[in-house]
Protein backbone atom coordinates (compact mmCIF):
# COMPACT_ATOMS: atom_id res chain seq x y z
CA MET A 1 -0.45 12.71 -19.85
CA GLN A 2 -3.68 11.01 -18.89
CA ASP A 3 -5.75 12.62 -16.14
CA PHE A 4 -6.18 10.43 -13.10
CA ASN A 5 -8.33 10.79 -10.02
CA ILE A 6 -9.54 14.15 -8.89
CA SER A 7 -8.47 15.02 -5.35
CA THR A 8 -7.85 17.94 -3.07
CA VAL A 9 -4.75 19.96 -3.88
CA LYS A 10 -2.30 20.74 -1.09
CA SER A 11 -1.56 24.38 -0.72
CA PRO A 12 1.48 25.54 1.26
CA PRO A 13 1.97 25.23 4.09
CA TYR A 14 0.73 21.64 4.05
CA ASP A 15 1.21 18.51 6.07
CA PRO A 16 2.45 15.39 4.22
CA GLU A 17 -0.18 13.35 6.08
CA ASP A 18 -3.11 15.41 4.81
CA GLY A 19 -3.64 13.12 1.83
CA GLY A 20 -3.95 15.83 -0.79
CA ILE A 21 -2.08 16.03 -4.07
CA PRO A 22 1.50 17.34 -3.72
CA PRO A 23 1.94 20.52 -5.81
CA ASP A 24 4.35 18.89 -8.30
CA MET A 25 1.80 16.14 -9.04
CA VAL A 26 -1.06 18.51 -9.92
CA ASP A 27 -2.02 18.00 -13.56
CA SER A 28 -4.72 20.63 -13.82
CA ILE A 29 -6.93 22.54 -11.45
CA VAL A 30 -10.53 21.55 -12.03
CA GLU A 31 -12.31 23.75 -9.54
CA ASP A 32 -11.18 25.68 -6.46
CA ASP A 33 -8.80 23.33 -4.65
CA TRP A 34 -9.66 20.19 -6.64
CA ALA A 35 -7.39 18.85 -9.36
CA SER A 36 -6.50 15.78 -11.37
CA TRP A 37 -3.08 14.38 -10.63
CA LYS A 38 -0.21 13.08 -12.75
CA THR A 39 2.60 10.69 -12.03
CA VAL A 40 6.07 12.08 -11.47
CA PRO A 41 9.42 10.25 -11.35
CA SER A 42 10.37 8.79 -8.00
CA LYS A 43 13.26 10.37 -6.12
CA LEU A 44 13.84 7.28 -3.98
CA SER A 45 16.88 5.05 -4.35
CA GLU A 46 16.80 1.28 -4.09
CA SER A 47 18.98 1.44 -0.98
CA GLU A 48 16.49 3.83 0.72
CA VAL A 49 13.59 1.50 -0.02
CA LEU A 50 15.50 -1.60 1.12
CA GLU A 51 16.59 0.09 4.35
CA PHE A 52 12.99 1.16 5.00
CA LEU A 53 11.57 -2.33 4.37
CA LYS A 54 14.33 -4.15 6.30
CA TYR A 55 13.21 -2.28 9.40
CA TYR A 56 9.88 -4.12 9.12
CA SER A 57 10.68 -7.49 7.55
CA LYS A 58 13.39 -10.03 6.73
CA ASN A 59 11.54 -11.24 3.64
CA ILE A 60 11.35 -8.48 1.04
CA PRO A 61 10.01 -9.44 -2.38
CA GLU A 62 11.71 -7.65 -5.26
CA VAL A 63 8.33 -6.72 -6.74
CA LEU A 64 7.48 -4.70 -3.60
CA VAL A 65 10.76 -2.78 -3.96
CA GLU A 66 9.94 -2.16 -7.63
CA TYR A 67 6.46 -0.94 -6.71
CA LEU A 68 7.83 1.52 -4.15
CA LEU A 69 10.44 2.74 -6.67
CA SER A 70 7.85 3.26 -9.40
CA ASP A 71 6.69 6.73 -10.37
CA CYS A 72 5.02 8.69 -7.61
CA HIS A 73 1.27 8.27 -7.92
CA MET A 74 -1.94 8.79 -6.00
CA LEU A 75 -3.57 5.50 -6.97
CA ASP A 76 -5.17 3.81 -4.04
CA GLU A 77 -8.24 1.83 -5.11
CA LEU A 78 -7.70 -0.89 -7.71
CA GLY A 79 -9.71 -3.96 -8.66
CA LEU A 80 -8.61 -7.39 -7.51
CA ASP A 81 -11.40 -8.86 -9.59
CA GLU A 82 -14.76 -7.69 -10.94
CA THR A 83 -16.31 -7.30 -7.48
CA THR A 84 -13.45 -6.69 -5.04
CA ASN A 85 -11.41 -3.54 -4.59
CA VAL A 86 -7.95 -3.33 -3.10
CA PHE A 87 -6.55 -0.21 -1.47
CA ILE A 88 -2.80 0.07 -2.02
CA PRO A 89 -0.55 2.66 -0.41
CA HIS A 90 -0.16 5.55 -2.82
CA ILE A 91 3.28 7.08 -3.40
CA PRO A 92 3.03 10.88 -3.07
CA SER A 93 6.11 12.80 -4.20
CA ASP A 94 6.38 14.72 -0.91
CA ASP A 95 6.35 11.59 1.30
CA PRO A 96 6.75 8.51 -0.94
CA LEU A 97 7.09 5.97 1.88
CA GLY A 98 4.61 7.62 4.27
CA PRO A 99 1.44 5.72 3.24
CA MET A 100 3.33 2.39 3.27
CA LYS A 101 4.74 3.22 6.72
CA GLN A 102 1.22 3.95 8.01
CA LEU A 103 0.02 0.57 6.73
CA LEU A 104 2.96 -1.30 8.27
CA GLU A 105 2.71 0.51 11.60
CA GLY A 106 -1.02 -0.20 11.71
CA TRP A 107 -0.48 -3.97 11.50
CA LYS A 108 2.62 -4.50 13.68
CA LEU A 109 1.25 -7.74 15.13
CA LEU A 110 1.25 -9.26 11.65
CA LEU A 111 4.83 -8.15 11.05
CA LYS A 112 5.91 -9.90 14.23
CA LEU A 113 4.53 -13.14 12.82
CA GLU A 114 6.25 -12.66 9.45
CA TYR A 115 3.32 -11.32 7.45
CA LEU A 116 4.17 -8.18 5.46
CA PRO A 117 1.10 -5.96 4.93
CA ILE A 118 1.01 -4.46 1.42
CA ALA A 119 -2.62 -3.37 0.95
CA GLU A 120 -6.12 -3.43 2.42
CA MET A 121 -9.01 -5.47 1.04
CA GLY A 122 -12.19 -3.58 0.22
CA PRO A 123 -13.06 -0.46 2.15
CA GLY A 124 -11.69 -1.47 5.56
CA TRP A 125 -12.16 -5.24 5.30
CA GLY A 126 -8.66 -6.09 6.51
CA PRO A 127 -5.00 -6.34 5.53
CA ILE A 128 -3.54 -8.11 2.52
CA CYS A 129 -0.13 -9.52 3.38
CA ILE A 130 2.81 -11.32 1.84
CA LYS A 131 3.43 -14.48 3.88
CA HIS A 132 6.82 -15.76 4.96
CA ASP A 133 6.55 -18.37 2.16
CA GLY A 134 5.84 -15.73 -0.52
CA GLY A 135 2.10 -16.26 -0.94
CA VAL A 136 -0.35 -13.36 -0.58
CA VAL A 137 -3.20 -13.69 1.91
CA TRP A 138 -6.01 -11.58 3.35
CA PHE A 139 -7.23 -11.38 6.94
CA ASP A 140 -10.75 -10.30 7.83
CA HIS A 141 -10.17 -7.42 10.25
CA GLU A 142 -12.96 -8.65 12.54
CA GLN A 143 -11.12 -11.93 13.10
CA LEU A 144 -7.96 -10.06 14.09
CA ILE A 145 -9.66 -8.05 16.85
CA ASP A 146 -9.27 -10.79 19.45
CA ILE A 147 -5.72 -11.80 18.51
CA SER A 148 -3.36 -10.99 21.37
CA GLU A 149 0.15 -9.56 21.19
CA SER A 150 1.45 -12.97 22.26
CA ALA A 151 -0.25 -14.78 19.36
CA GLU A 152 1.68 -17.44 17.50
CA LEU A 153 1.91 -18.08 13.78
CA LYS A 154 -0.41 -21.10 13.87
CA GLU A 155 -3.21 -18.92 15.30
CA LEU A 156 -3.08 -16.68 12.24
CA GLU A 157 -2.54 -19.39 9.66
CA CYS A 158 -6.04 -20.71 10.27
CA LEU A 159 -7.48 -17.20 9.64
CA GLU A 160 -5.67 -16.39 6.42
CA GLN A 161 -7.52 -16.45 3.11
CA SER A 162 -5.46 -16.97 -0.03
CA VAL A 163 -5.35 -14.12 -2.55
CA THR A 164 -2.53 -15.11 -4.96
CA LYS A 165 0.42 -17.48 -4.98
CA SER A 166 2.99 -14.68 -5.06
CA ALA A 167 3.47 -10.94 -4.65
CA ALA A 168 4.35 -10.65 -8.34
CA GLU A 169 1.05 -12.31 -9.27
CA PHE A 170 -0.82 -9.98 -6.87
CA TYR A 171 0.64 -6.80 -8.38
CA MET A 172 0.13 -8.10 -11.93
CA GLN A 173 -3.51 -8.87 -11.15
CA ILE A 174 -4.40 -5.51 -9.58
CA PHE A 175 -2.62 -3.46 -12.22
CA THR A 176 -4.12 -5.36 -15.16
CA GLU A 177 -7.68 -5.99 -13.87
């Protein structure tokens, strides 16, 4: 198997939110507590993923379900194009939905207005979301600071910046760039 990123290895007892590599995903120890990771098969079922996502959204694209059911991995930074990085929730074997939950919980206001966060643009530039109509858009985090909890959809529509026409196109682009 191909070596991937090198990250800190979790050593028991560990906290699923510590961000290190789960023990079953360690490919080889490089030095001390640093290792390259490997993918492992997902233990999630489609019904678990659908139940999880339905808590957050009515509109669930099949490609998002497929992504969350894919092998467990520690990918997080991928290229959207030659100059822009996208940070996607990784899928660690010890908490496969944890990083996605953190992203969704962090952008609850967007969920309320039918935007489903799926990634972050650049290092902290703002959320990338699937819109209610299926398109994928990005919001500059600085423009969201002043948006109130009582905001309406039209207030956000003028702030969105198009990324791709669909979630399938988005995932195809970041995984093939």
